[in-house]
Amino acid sequence: MIIRILKTASFILLFGLSAGISAYMALTYIVKSEDTVIVPDLTGKELVYSLEMLTDLGLNTKVRGSEYNERIPKNHIIFQDPDPGSEIKKDRDVRIIISKGPQTITMPNLEGLSIHQARIIMEENGLCQGKISITYSKVFPKEVVMAQAPLSGTSITRGGCIDILVSAGAKPASYMMPDLTGIPLDEAIGILESLQLTLGEIKSTVDSRKPINRIVSQEPAYGYQVLENSTVNLIINREPGAKIQNVMQETGGVQLFRHKLDIGLMRKDIRINVNFFGVTVDLVNNLIKPGEEIWALIPRNRNVTLFLYQDNELIKTEVFDTW
């Protein structure tokens, strides 16, 4: 009886031990399978796709560098470590090398692109900007690439530099500088405006041998070739001690210009410009009622020229001296 009881107890103990070992092994396998993953094959895969795949598997990505490769396109994987099929734990690193594409590429076509767009394409293809030459063109708008070297379609090594010819737009019209000496200021300004030349600095001088309130000198001089929008500086002859007549009263550090519009029915488009130090500034630019008086403050101790336009027609010029 005692022997039977001992046999039964031994059997129960052996069964319990076997069950415990089996449960332990099963639990260990489950835990181990949860902690490890199989490394996928990334070679030839696109970079973003590979990063997403590794992230989903709980693995980290370490980029070891990038290399040129004639077979694998740019931004695709050319090497990985560990190898595909390896079993590693989660949160471990997978090291990759990224392709920079083939080292020799076909030269892209930059002609007709803006210089900004051309620079972007050169940068995307690993090319550098070489010399920029600029010339006038009737065909290509300003800041557009007209030609390139090397030519599009030829082979070029990444890192090579591209020379480009850029349009400066249509060439401005050129004129022979007219002779402005001896004529009144307003007449000289009319000539400059008709030739689309820009009025620059206006100075005054005293020369008793020449007519008063007439141009005595100009820059550029008569006969020189000038381009459209070129600046022209003038010197006008003034009477010694000349006073501002009818329209001037001094007040503090400024002078007062006054002009009264004629009586009428329609408002007038009045514009007053002043020129000093070669810069022209709008003081008044508005529709004014007939009979109203316009006041404008002019800086003292400066050679200032004032231009009064009525309905886009120059009707008065005044030169305010430092005297």
C-alpha atoms as a PDB file:
ATOM      1  CA  MET A   1       0.000   0.000   0.000  1.00  0.00           C
ATOM      2  CA  ILE A   2       2.758   2.400   0.941  1.00  0.00           C
ATOM      3  CA  ILE A   3       4.664   1.470  -2.222  1.00  0.00           C
ATOM      4  CA  ARG A   4       1.580   2.230  -4.364  1.00  0.00           C
ATOM      5  CA  ILE A   5       1.176   5.618  -2.709  1.00  0.00           C
ATOM      6  CA  LEU A   6       4.837   6.444  -3.333  1.00  0.00           C
ATOM      7  CA  LYS A   7       4.533   5.449  -7.012  1.00  0.00           C
ATOM      8  CA  THR A   8       1.462   7.617  -7.410  1.00  0.00           C
ATOM      9  CA  ALA A   9       3.179  10.600  -5.742  1.00  0.00           C
ATOM     10  CA  SER A  10       6.248  10.128  -7.941  1.00  0.00           C
ATOM     11  CA  PHE A  11       4.082  10.067 -11.060  1.00  0.00           C
ATOM     12  CA  ILE A  12       2.271  13.245 -10.030  1.00  0.00           C
ATOM     13  CA  LEU A  13       5.563  14.982  -9.231  1.00  0.00           C
ATOM     14  CA  LEU A  14       7.082  13.944 -12.569  1.00  0.00           C
ATOM     15  CA  PHE A  15       3.986  15.121 -14.452  1.00  0.00           C
ATOM     16  CA  GLY A  16       4.047  18.487 -12.664  1.00  0.00           C
ATOM     17  CA  LEU A  17       7.744  18.951 -13.386  1.00  0.00           C
ATOM     18  CA  SER A  18       7.246  18.148 -17.084  1.00  0.00           C
ATOM     19  CA  ALA A  19       4.344  20.569 -17.317  1.00  0.00           C
ATOM     20  CA  GLY A  20       6.392  23.308 -15.641  1.00  0.00           C
ATOM     21  CA  ILE A  21       9.313  22.820 -18.008  1.00  0.00           C
ATOM     22  CA  SER A  22       6.982  22.887 -21.028  1.00  0.00           C
ATOM     23  CA  ALA A  23       5.280  26.050 -19.820  1.00  0.00           C
ATOM     24  CA  TYR A  24       8.628  27.728 -19.192  1.00  0.00           C
ATOM     25  CA  MET A  25       9.913  26.834 -22.647  1.00  0.00           C
ATOM     26  CA  ALA A  26       6.701  28.020 -24.287  1.00  0.00           C
ATOM     27  CA  LEU A  27       6.791  31.325 -22.375  1.00  0.00           C
ATOM     28  CA  THR A  28      10.470  31.817 -23.228  1.00  0.00           C
ATOM     29  CA  TYR A  29       9.728  31.244 -26.915  1.00  0.00           C
ATOM     30  CA  ILE A  30       6.839  33.695 -26.864  1.00  0.00           C
ATOM     31  CA  VAL A  31       8.892  36.391 -25.116  1.00  0.00           C
ATOM     32  CA  LYS A  32      11.830  35.789 -27.426  1.00  0.00           C
ATOM     33  CA  SER A  33       9.627  35.981 -30.525  1.00  0.00           C
ATOM     34  CA  GLU A  34       8.166  39.280 -29.305  1.00  0.00           C
ATOM     35  CA  ASP A  35      11.625  40.827 -28.726  1.00  0.00           C
ATOM     36  CA  THR A  36      13.156  39.917 -32.103  1.00  0.00           C
ATOM     37  CA  VAL A  37      12.348  40.731 -35.727  1.00  0.00           C
ATOM     38  CA  ILE A  38      13.654  39.616 -39.112  1.00  0.00           C
ATOM     39  CA  VAL A  39      15.684  42.287 -40.929  1.00  0.00           C
ATOM     40  CA  PRO A  40      14.051  43.013 -44.318  1.00  0.00           C
ATOM     41  CA  ASP A  41      15.919  43.318 -47.618  1.00  0.00           C
ATOM     42  CA  LEU A  42      16.395  47.054 -48.231  1.00  0.00           C
ATOM     43  CA  THR A  43      18.865  46.953 -51.132  1.00  0.00           C
ATOM     44  CA  GLY A  44      17.522  48.933 -54.096  1.00  0.00           C
ATOM     45  CA  LYS A  45      14.573  50.218 -52.092  1.00  0.00           C
ATOM     46  CA  GLU A  46      13.660  53.914 -51.990  1.00  0.00           C
ATOM     47  CA  LEU A  47      14.946  55.736 -48.898  1.00  0.00           C
ATOM     48  CA  VAL A  48      11.642  56.976 -47.456  1.00  0.00           C
ATOM     49  CA  TYR A  49       9.988  53.583 -47.975  1.00  0.00           C
ATOM     50  CA  SER A  50      12.912  51.875 -46.192  1.00  0.00           C
ATOM     51  CA  LEU A  51      12.754  54.266 -43.235  1.00  0.00           C
ATOM     52  CA  GLU A  52       9.032  53.642 -42.822  1.00  0.00           C
ATOM     53  CA  MET A  53       9.554  49.860 -42.985  1.00  0.00           C
ATOM     54  CA  LEU A  54      12.258  49.872 -40.301  1.00  0.00           C
ATOM     55  CA  THR A  55      10.212  52.171 -38.077  1.00  0.00           C
ATOM     56  CA  ASP A  56       7.196  49.845 -38.317  1.00  0.00           C
ATOM     57  CA  LEU A  57       9.443  46.942 -37.211  1.00  0.00           C
ATOM     58  CA  GLY A  58      10.702  48.913 -34.207  1.00  0.00           C
ATOM     59  CA  LEU A  59      14.229  49.265 -35.590  1.00  0.00           C
ATOM     60  CA  ASN A  60      16.437  52.363 -35.739  1.00  0.00           C
ATOM     61  CA  THR A  61      18.103  53.670 -38.903  1.00  0.00           C
ATOM     62  CA  LYS A  62      21.709  54.849 -39.001  1.00  0.00           C
ATOM     63  CA  VAL A  63      22.998  56.380 -42.253  1.00  0.00           C
ATOM     64  CA  ARG A  64      26.692  55.515 -42.714  1.00  0.00           C
ATOM     65  CA  GLY A  65      27.098  57.718 -45.771  1.00  0.00           C
ATOM     66  CA  SER A  66      26.314  58.045 -49.458  1.00  0.00           C
ATOM     67  CA  GLU A  67      28.123  56.853 -52.577  1.00  0.00           C
ATOM     68  CA  TYR A  68      27.814  57.181 -56.341  1.00  0.00           C
ATOM     69  CA  ASN A  69      26.356  54.079 -57.961  1.00  0.00           C
ATOM     70  CA  GLU A  70      25.808  53.441 -61.657  1.00  0.00           C
ATOM     71  CA  ARG A  71      23.039  50.840 -61.110  1.00  0.00           C
ATOM     72  CA  ILE A  72      21.010  52.046 -58.143  1.00  0.00           C
ATOM     73  CA  PRO A  73      19.116  55.346 -58.525  1.00  0.00           C
ATOM     74  CA  LYS A  74      19.679  58.372 -56.342  1.00  0.00           C
ATOM     75  CA  ASN A  75      18.157  58.203 -52.816  1.00  0.00           C
ATOM     76  CA  HIS A  76      17.881  54.396 -52.859  1.00  0.00           C
ATOM     77  CA  ILE A  77      19.660  51.924 -50.541  1.00  0.00           C
ATOM     78  CA  ILE A  78      22.872  50.299 -51.817  1.00  0.00           C
ATOM     79  CA  PHE A  79      24.078  48.596 -48.604  1.00  0.00           C
ATOM     80  CA  GLN A  80      22.668  47.464 -45.266  1.00  0.00           C
ATOM     81  CA  ASP A  81      23.994  45.940 -42.054  1.00  0.00           C
ATOM     82  CA  PRO A  82      22.767  43.489 -40.632  1.00  0.00           C
ATOM     83  CA  ASP A  83      22.124  41.440 -43.768  1.00  0.00           C
ATOM     84  CA  PRO A  84      18.573  40.662 -44.932  1.00  0.00           C
ATOM     85  CA  GLY A  85      17.029  37.752 -43.025  1.00  0.00           C
ATOM     86  CA  SER A  86      19.038  38.360 -39.853  1.00  0.00           C
ATOM     87  CA  GLU A  87      17.141  38.045 -36.589  1.00  0.00           C
ATOM     88  CA  ILE A  88      17.725  40.984 -34.233  1.00  0.00           C
ATOM     89  CA  LYS A  89      16.009  42.487 -31.252  1.00  0.00           C
ATOM     90  CA  LYS A  90      13.750  45.471 -31.550  1.00  0.00           C
ATOM     91  CA  ASP A  91      15.224  48.939 -30.983  1.00  0.00           C
ATOM     92  CA  ARG A  92      18.521  47.852 -32.548  1.00  0.00           C
ATOM     93  CA  ASP A  93      20.256  49.833 -35.324  1.00  0.00           C
ATOM     94  CA  VAL A  94      20.216  48.994 -39.013  1.00  0.00           C
ATOM     95  CA  ARG A  95      23.040  50.778 -40.833  1.00  0.00           C
ATOM     96  CA  ILE A  96      22.535  51.837 -44.439  1.00  0.00           C
ATOM     97  CA  ILE A  97      24.439  53.544 -47.277  1.00  0.00           C
ATOM     98  CA  ILE A  98      22.452  55.711 -49.706  1.00  0.00           C
ATOM     99  CA  SER A  99      23.043  56.002 -53.440  1.00  0.00           C
ATOM    100  CA  LYS A 100      23.879  59.414 -54.927  1.00  0.00           C
ATOM    101  CA  GLY A 101      23.023  58.036 -58.353  1.00  0.00           C
ATOM    102  CA  PRO A 102      25.449  57.667 -61.244  1.00  0.00           C
ATOM    103  CA  GLN A 103      28.491  59.935 -61.133  1.00  0.00           C
ATOM    104  CA  THR A 104      28.114  60.758 -64.821  1.00  0.00           C
ATOM    105  CA  ILE A 105      24.762  62.262 -65.804  1.00  0.00           C
ATOM    106  CA  THR A 106      23.127  63.762 -68.878  1.00  0.00           C
ATOM    107  CA  MET A 107      23.408  67.544 -68.843  1.00  0.00           C
ATOM    108  CA  PRO A 108      19.933  69.053 -68.195  1.00  0.00           C
ATOM    109  CA  ASN A 109      18.537  71.749 -70.486  1.00  0.00           C
ATOM    110  CA  LEU A 110      18.638  75.160 -68.776  1.00  0.00           C
ATOM    111  CA  GLU A 111      17.817  77.305 -71.810  1.00  0.00           C
ATOM    112  CA  GLY A 112      14.630  79.341 -71.383  1.00  0.00           C
ATOM    113  CA  LEU A 113      14.607  78.973 -67.588  1.00  0.00           C
ATOM    114  CA  SER A 114      14.982  81.837 -65.165  1.00  0.00           C
ATOM    115  CA  ILE A 115      18.387  82.037 -63.527  1.00  0.00           C
ATOM    116  CA  HIS A 116      16.726  81.063 -60.220  1.00  0.00           C
ATOM    117  CA  GLN A 117      15.186  77.902 -61.728  1.00  0.00           C
ATOM    118  CA  ALA A 118      18.493  77.022 -63.417  1.00  0.00           C
ATOM    119  CA  ARG A 119      20.338  77.235 -60.094  1.00  0.00           C
ATOM    120  CA  ILE A 120      17.814  74.886 -58.464  1.00  0.00           C
ATOM    121  CA  ILE A 121      18.257  72.277 -61.234  1.00  0.00           C
ATOM    122  CA  MET A 122      22.049  72.516 -61.034  1.00  0.00           C
ATOM    123  CA  GLU A 123      21.942  71.998 -57.265  1.00  0.00           C
ATOM    124  CA  GLU A 124      19.553  69.027 -57.544  1.00  0.00           C
ATOM    125  CA  ASN A 125      21.954  67.343 -59.995  1.00  0.00           C
ATOM    126  CA  GLY A 126      25.086  68.019 -57.962  1.00  0.00           C
ATOM    127  CA  LEU A 127      26.391  70.609 -60.426  1.00  0.00           C
ATOM    128  CA  CYS A 128      27.914  73.979 -59.624  1.00  0.00           C
ATOM    129  CA  GLN A 129      27.399  77.349 -61.253  1.00  0.00           C
ATOM    130  CA  GLY A 130      30.336  78.529 -63.316  1.00  0.00           C
ATOM    131  CA  LYS A 131      30.732  81.885 -65.042  1.00  0.00           C
ATOM    132  CA  ILE A 132      27.681  84.044 -65.747  1.00  0.00           C
ATOM    133  CA  SER A 133      27.775  86.279 -68.830  1.00  0.00           C
ATOM    134  CA  ILE A 134      25.073  88.869 -69.477  1.00  0.00           C
ATOM    135  CA  THR A 135      24.007  90.361 -72.806  1.00  0.00           C
ATOM    136  CA  TYR A 136      21.022  92.139 -74.325  1.00  0.00           C
ATOM    137  CA  SER A 137      18.418  90.091 -76.183  1.00  0.00           C
ATOM    138  CA  LYS A 138      15.242  90.876 -78.125  1.00  0.00           C
ATOM    139  CA  VAL A 139      14.088  87.249 -77.817  1.00  0.00           C
ATOM    140  CA  PHE A 140      14.731  86.271 -74.192  1.00  0.00           C
ATOM    141  CA  PRO A 141      13.234  88.210 -71.266  1.00  0.00           C
ATOM    142  CA  LYS A 142      15.485  89.676 -68.607  1.00  0.00           C
ATOM    143  CA  GLU A 143      17.258  87.173 -66.269  1.00  0.00           C
ATOM    144  CA  VAL A 144      16.451  84.159 -68.492  1.00  0.00           C
ATOM    145  CA  VAL A 145      19.151  81.668 -69.554  1.00  0.00           C
ATOM    146  CA  MET A 146      19.972  82.048 -73.266  1.00  0.00           C
ATOM    147  CA  ALA A 147      22.752  79.451 -73.608  1.00  0.00           C
ATOM    148  CA  GLN A 148      24.821  77.037 -71.546  1.00  0.00           C
ATOM    149  CA  ALA A 149      28.122  75.175 -71.639  1.00  0.00           C
ATOM    150  CA  PRO A 150      28.280  72.162 -71.613  1.00  0.00           C
ATOM    151  CA  LEU A 151      25.295  71.794 -73.945  1.00  0.00           C
ATOM    152  CA  SER A 152      22.176  69.955 -72.832  1.00  0.00           C
ATOM    153  CA  GLY A 153      22.179  66.229 -73.611  1.00  0.00           C
ATOM    154  CA  THR A 154      25.933  65.814 -73.229  1.00  0.00           C
ATOM    155  CA  SER A 155      27.528  63.779 -70.429  1.00  0.00           C
ATOM    156  CA  ILE A 156      28.860  65.586 -67.388  1.00  0.00           C
ATOM    157  CA  THR A 157      30.363  64.423 -64.110  1.00  0.00           C
ATOM    158  CA  ARG A 158      28.585  65.453 -60.926  1.00  0.00           C
ATOM    159  CA  GLY A 159      30.430  68.309 -59.284  1.00  0.00           C
ATOM    160  CA  GLY A 160      31.171  69.904 -62.656  1.00  0.00           C
ATOM    161  CA  CYS A 161      30.420  73.596 -63.214  1.00  0.00           C
ATOM    162  CA  ILE A 162      28.084  75.074 -65.825  1.00  0.00           C
ATOM    163  CA  ASP A 163      28.694  78.405 -67.574  1.00  0.00           C
ATOM    164  CA  ILE A 164      25.520  80.246 -68.574  1.00  0.00           C
ATOM    165  CA  LEU A 165      24.639  83.241 -70.744  1.00  0.00           C
ATOM    166  CA  VAL A 166      21.815  85.311 -69.246  1.00  0.00           C
ATOM    167  CA  SER A 167      19.604  87.875 -70.965  1.00  0.00           C
ATOM    168  CA  ALA A 168      19.618  91.496 -69.812  1.00  0.00           C
ATOM    169  CA  GLY A 169      16.395  92.065 -71.733  1.00  0.00           C
ATOM    170  CA  ALA A 170      16.001  94.266 -74.779  1.00  0.00           C
ATOM    171  CA  LYS A 171      18.781  96.778 -75.340  1.00  0.00           C
ATOM    172  CA  PRO A 172      17.711 100.303 -74.345  1.00  0.00           C
ATOM    173  CA  ALA A 173      17.400 102.807 -77.163  1.00  0.00           C
ATOM    174  CA  SER A 174      20.491 104.966 -77.620  1.00  0.00           C
ATOM    175  CA  TYR A 175      20.582 108.624 -78.584  1.00  0.00           C
ATOM    176  CA  MET A 176      23.111 111.302 -79.350  1.00  0.00           C
ATOM    177  CA  MET A 177      23.000 113.650 -76.363  1.00  0.00           C
ATOM    178  CA  PRO A 178      21.233 116.865 -77.464  1.00  0.00           C
ATOM    179  CA  ASP A 179      22.646 120.331 -76.816  1.00  0.00           C
ATOM    180  CA  LEU A 180      20.689 121.820 -73.902  1.00  0.00           C
ATOM    181  CA  THR A 181      22.892 124.844 -73.264  1.00  0.00           C
ATOM    182  CA  GLY A 182      21.312 128.244 -73.728  1.00  0.00           C
ATOM    183  CA  ILE A 183      17.692 127.086 -73.355  1.00  0.00           C
ATOM    184  CA  PRO A 184      15.334 127.525 -70.360  1.00  0.00           C
ATOM    185  CA  LEU A 185      15.101 124.754 -67.770  1.00  0.00           C
ATOM    186  CA  ASP A 186      11.517 123.762 -68.556  1.00  0.00           C
ATOM    187  CA  GLU A 187      12.367 123.403 -72.252  1.00  0.00           C
ATOM    188  CA  ALA A 188      15.390 121.254 -71.388  1.00  0.00           C
ATOM    189  CA  ILE A 189      13.233 119.025 -69.186  1.00  0.00           C
ATOM    190  CA  GLY A 190      10.727 118.585 -72.004  1.00  0.00           C
ATOM    191  CA  ILE A 191      13.509 117.410 -74.330  1.00  0.00           C
ATOM    192  CA  LEU A 192      14.811 114.934 -71.741  1.00  0.00           C
ATOM    193  CA  GLU A 193      11.338 113.509 -71.151  1.00  0.00           C
ATOM    194  CA  SER A 194      10.734 113.087 -74.893  1.00  0.00           C
ATOM    195  CA  LEU A 195      13.947 111.021 -75.132  1.00  0.00           C
ATOM    196  CA  GLN A 196      13.108 109.046 -71.957  1.00  0.00           C
ATOM    197  CA  LEU A 197      16.196 110.369 -70.217  1.00  0.00           C
ATOM    198  CA  THR A 198      16.196 110.832 -66.437  1.00  0.00           C
ATOM    199  CA  LEU A 199      16.717 114.248 -64.876  1.00  0.00           C
ATOM    200  CA  GLY A 200      19.528 114.078 -62.337  1.00  0.00           C
ATOM    201  CA  GLU A 201      21.027 116.815 -60.180  1.00  0.00           C
ATOM    202  CA  ILE A 202      20.307 120.467 -60.954  1.00  0.00           C
ATOM    203  CA  LYS A 203      22.804 123.047 -59.730  1.00  0.00           C
ATOM    204  CA  SER A 204      23.039 126.800 -60.199  1.00  0.00           C
ATOM    205  CA  THR A 205      25.980 129.062 -60.947  1.00  0.00           C
ATOM    206  CA  VAL A 206      26.636 132.751 -61.667  1.00  0.00           C
ATOM    207  CA  ASP A 207      28.052 133.803 -65.027  1.00  0.00           C
ATOM    208  CA  SER A 208      27.403 137.417 -66.051  1.00  0.00           C
ATOM    209  CA  ARG A 209      28.495 136.665 -69.614  1.00  0.00           C
ATOM    210  CA  LYS A 210      25.622 134.241 -70.223  1.00  0.00           C
ATOM    211  CA  PRO A 211      21.824 134.626 -70.226  1.00  0.00           C
ATOM    212  CA  ILE A 212      20.029 134.360 -66.875  1.00  0.00           C
ATOM    213  CA  ASN A 213      17.885 131.302 -66.101  1.00  0.00           C
ATOM    214  CA  ARG A 214      19.342 129.305 -68.984  1.00  0.00           C
ATOM    215  CA  ILE A 215      21.279 126.030 -69.027  1.00  0.00           C
ATOM    216  CA  VAL A 216      25.035 126.703 -69.062  1.00  0.00           C
ATOM    217  CA  SER A 217      26.363 123.161 -68.654  1.00  0.00           C
ATOM    218  CA  GLN A 218      25.211 119.574 -68.958  1.00  0.00           C
ATOM    219  CA  GLU A 219      26.494 116.096 -68.188  1.00  0.00           C
ATOM    220  CA  PRO A 220      26.789 114.042 -70.401  1.00  0.00           C
ATOM    221  CA  ALA A 221      28.008 116.647 -72.857  1.00  0.00           C
ATOM    222  CA  TYR A 222      26.442 117.370 -76.234  1.00  0.00           C
ATOM    223  CA  GLY A 223      27.190 114.679 -78.829  1.00  0.00           C
ATOM    224  CA  TYR A 224      27.842 111.783 -76.432  1.00  0.00           C
ATOM    225  CA  GLN A 225      25.968 108.505 -76.940  1.00  0.00           C
ATOM    226  CA  VAL A 226      23.456 107.957 -74.124  1.00  0.00           C
ATOM    227  CA  LEU A 227      21.123 105.044 -73.415  1.00  0.00           C
ATOM    228  CA  GLU A 228      17.453 105.311 -72.581  1.00  0.00           C
ATOM    229  CA  ASN A 229      16.895 106.105 -68.856  1.00  0.00           C
ATOM    230  CA  SER A 230      20.413 107.545 -68.500  1.00  0.00           C
ATOM    231  CA  THR A 231      20.726 110.351 -65.929  1.00  0.00           C
ATOM    232  CA  VAL A 232      21.453 113.891 -67.111  1.00  0.00           C
ATOM    233  CA  ASN A 233      22.783 116.560 -64.706  1.00  0.00           C
ATOM    234  CA  LEU A 234      22.261 120.262 -65.452  1.00  0.00           C
ATOM    235  CA  ILE A 235      23.701 123.607 -64.317  1.00  0.00           C
ATOM    236  CA  ILE A 236      21.550 126.737 -64.693  1.00  0.00           C
ATOM    237  CA  ASN A 237      22.782 130.346 -64.697  1.00  0.00           C
ATOM    238  CA  ARG A 238      21.274 132.550 -61.944  1.00  0.00           C
ATOM    239  CA  GLU A 239      21.432 136.243 -61.200  1.00  0.00           C
ATOM    240  CA  PRO A 240      23.649 137.142 -58.187  1.00  0.00           C
ATOM    241  CA  GLY A 241      21.518 137.664 -55.097  1.00  0.00           C
ATOM    242  CA  ALA A 242      18.429 136.482 -56.926  1.00  0.00           C
ATOM    243  CA  LYS A 243      15.329 136.392 -54.795  1.00  0.00           C
ATOM    244  CA  ILE A 244      12.446 134.011 -55.083  1.00  0.00           C
ATOM    245  CA  GLN A 245       9.805 136.110 -56.755  1.00  0.00           C
ATOM    246  CA  ASN A 246       6.112 136.253 -55.853  1.00  0.00           C
ATOM    247  CA  VAL A 247       5.947 132.737 -54.488  1.00  0.00           C
ATOM    248  CA  MET A 248       8.496 132.622 -51.689  1.00  0.00           C
ATOM    249  CA  GLN A 249       8.342 133.443 -48.027  1.00  0.00           C
ATOM    250  CA  GLU A 250      10.976 132.166 -45.642  1.00  0.00           C
ATOM    251  CA  THR A 251       9.838 130.373 -42.541  1.00  0.00           C
ATOM    252  CA  GLY A 252      12.275 128.581 -40.198  1.00  0.00           C
ATOM    253  CA  GLY A 253      14.363 125.955 -42.015  1.00  0.00           C
ATOM    254  CA  VAL A 254      12.085 125.818 -45.060  1.00  0.00           C
ATOM    255  CA  GLN A 255      10.809 128.067 -47.826  1.00  0.00           C
ATOM    256  CA  LEU A 256       7.163 128.311 -48.821  1.00  0.00           C
ATOM    257  CA  PHE A 257       6.047 127.812 -52.425  1.00  0.00           C
ATOM    258  CA  ARG A 258       2.543 129.041 -53.239  1.00  0.00           C
ATOM    259  CA  HIS A 259       0.509 128.625 -56.409  1.00  0.00           C
ATOM    260  CA  LYS A 260      -3.147 129.523 -57.002  1.00  0.00           C
ATOM    261  CA  LEU A 261      -5.182 127.707 -59.640  1.00  0.00           C
ATOM    262  CA  ASP A 262      -7.212 129.673 -62.171  1.00  0.00           C
ATOM    263  CA  ILE A 263     -10.981 129.934 -61.764  1.00  0.00           C
ATOM    264  CA  GLY A 264     -12.820 127.288 -63.754  1.00  0.00           C
ATOM    265  CA  LEU A 265     -15.269 124.394 -63.652  1.00  0.00           C
ATOM    266  CA  MET A 266     -13.104 121.273 -63.615  1.00  0.00           C
ATOM    267  CA  ARG A 267     -10.650 120.001 -61.028  1.00  0.00           C
ATOM    268  CA  LYS A 268      -7.039 119.958 -62.163  1.00  0.00           C
ATOM    269  CA  ASP A 269      -4.557 117.106 -61.757  1.00  0.00           C
ATOM    270  CA  ILE A 270      -1.720 118.917 -59.968  1.00  0.00           C
ATOM    271  CA  ARG A 271       1.704 117.396 -59.374  1.00  0.00           C
ATOM    272  CA  ILE A 272       4.647 119.162 -57.723  1.00  0.00           C
ATOM    273  CA  ASN A 273       8.077 117.519 -57.913  1.00  0.00           C
ATOM    274  CA  VAL A 274      11.264 118.802 -56.307  1.00  0.00           C
ATOM    275  CA  ASN A 275      14.771 117.797 -57.321  1.00  0.00           C
ATOM    276  CA  PHE A 276      17.759 118.011 -54.992  1.00  0.00           C
ATOM    277  CA  PHE A 277      20.975 115.983 -54.805  1.00  0.00           C
ATOM    278  CA  GLY A 278      19.894 114.318 -58.060  1.00  0.00           C
ATOM    279  CA  VAL A 279      16.753 112.830 -56.477  1.00  0.00           C
ATOM    280  CA  THR A 280      13.203 113.749 -57.541  1.00  0.00           C
ATOM    281  CA  VAL A 281      10.439 113.606 -54.914  1.00  0.00           C
ATOM    282  CA  ASP A 282       6.661 114.125 -55.222  1.00  0.00           C
ATOM    283  CA  LEU A 283       5.395 116.846 -52.858  1.00  0.00           C
ATOM    284  CA  VAL A 284       1.868 117.088 -54.261  1.00  0.00           C
ATOM    285  CA  ASN A 285      -0.027 114.655 -56.476  1.00  0.00           C
ATOM    286  CA  ASN A 286      -3.760 115.256 -56.311  1.00  0.00           C
ATOM    287  CA  LEU A 287      -6.901 116.643 -57.943  1.00  0.00           C
ATOM    288  CA  ILE A 288      -7.304 120.291 -56.893  1.00  0.00           C
ATOM    289  CA  LYS A 289     -10.439 122.462 -57.142  1.00  0.00           C
ATOM    290  CA  PRO A 290     -10.336 125.570 -59.374  1.00  0.00           C
ATOM    291  CA  GLY A 291      -9.317 128.726 -57.500  1.00  0.00           C
ATOM    292  CA  GLU A 292      -7.618 126.827 -54.637  1.00  0.00           C
ATOM    293  CA  GLU A 293      -4.118 127.765 -53.483  1.00  0.00           C
ATOM    294  CA  ILE A 294      -1.407 125.111 -53.134  1.00  0.00           C
ATOM    295  CA  TRP A 295       1.332 125.403 -50.521  1.00  0.00           C
ATOM    296  CA  ALA A 296       4.540 123.367 -50.523  1.00  0.00           C
ATOM    297  CA  LEU A 297       7.486 123.587 -48.111  1.00  0.00           C
ATOM    298  CA  ILE A 298      10.932 123.602 -49.750  1.00  0.00           C
ATOM    299  CA  PRO A 299      14.153 122.901 -47.760  1.00  0.00           C
ATOM    300  CA  ARG A 300      16.380 125.924 -47.250  1.00  0.00           C
ATOM    301  CA  ASN A 301      20.145 125.965 -47.759  1.00  0.00           C
ATOM    302  CA  ARG A 302      19.837 123.505 -50.641  1.00  0.00           C
ATOM    303  CA  ASN A 303      19.884 123.936 -54.412  1.00  0.00           C
ATOM    304  CA  VAL A 304      16.342 122.764 -55.102  1.00  0.00           C
ATOM    305  CA  THR A 305      14.450 122.785 -58.396  1.00  0.00           C
ATOM    306  CA  LEU A 306      10.650 122.635 -58.330  1.00  0.00           C
ATOM    307  CA  PHE A 307       8.470 121.414 -61.198  1.00  0.00           C
ATOM    308  CA  LEU A 308       4.751 122.178 -61.325  1.00  0.00           C
ATOM    309  CA  TYR A 309       2.637 119.948 -63.595  1.00  0.00           C
ATOM    310  CA  GLN A 310      -1.011 120.576 -64.432  1.00  0.00           C
ATOM    311  CA  ASP A 311      -2.838 117.698 -66.142  1.00  0.00           C
ATOM    312  CA  ASN A 312       0.582 116.122 -66.889  1.00  0.00           C
ATOM    313  CA  GLU A 313       1.849 119.296 -68.584  1.00  0.00           C
ATOM    314  CA  LEU A 314       4.841 121.120 -67.102  1.00  0.00           C
ATOM    315  CA  ILE A 315       3.658 124.703 -66.523  1.00  0.00           C
ATOM    316  CA  LYS A 316       6.287 126.127 -64.158  1.00  0.00           C
ATOM    317  CA  THR A 317       9.830 125.533 -62.936  1.00  0.00           C
ATOM    318  CA  GLU A 318      11.540 127.329 -60.046  1.00  0.00           C
ATOM    319  CA  VAL A 319      15.160 127.074 -58.906  1.00  0.00           C
ATOM    320  CA  PHE A 320      15.675 127.860 -55.213  1.00  0.00           C
ATOM    321  CA  ASP A 321      19.278 128.823 -54.505  1.00  0.00           C
ATOM    322  CA  THR A 322      21.283 128.717 -51.296  1.00  0.00           C
ATOM    323  CA  TRP A 323      21.745 132.496 -51.520  1.00  0.00           C
END
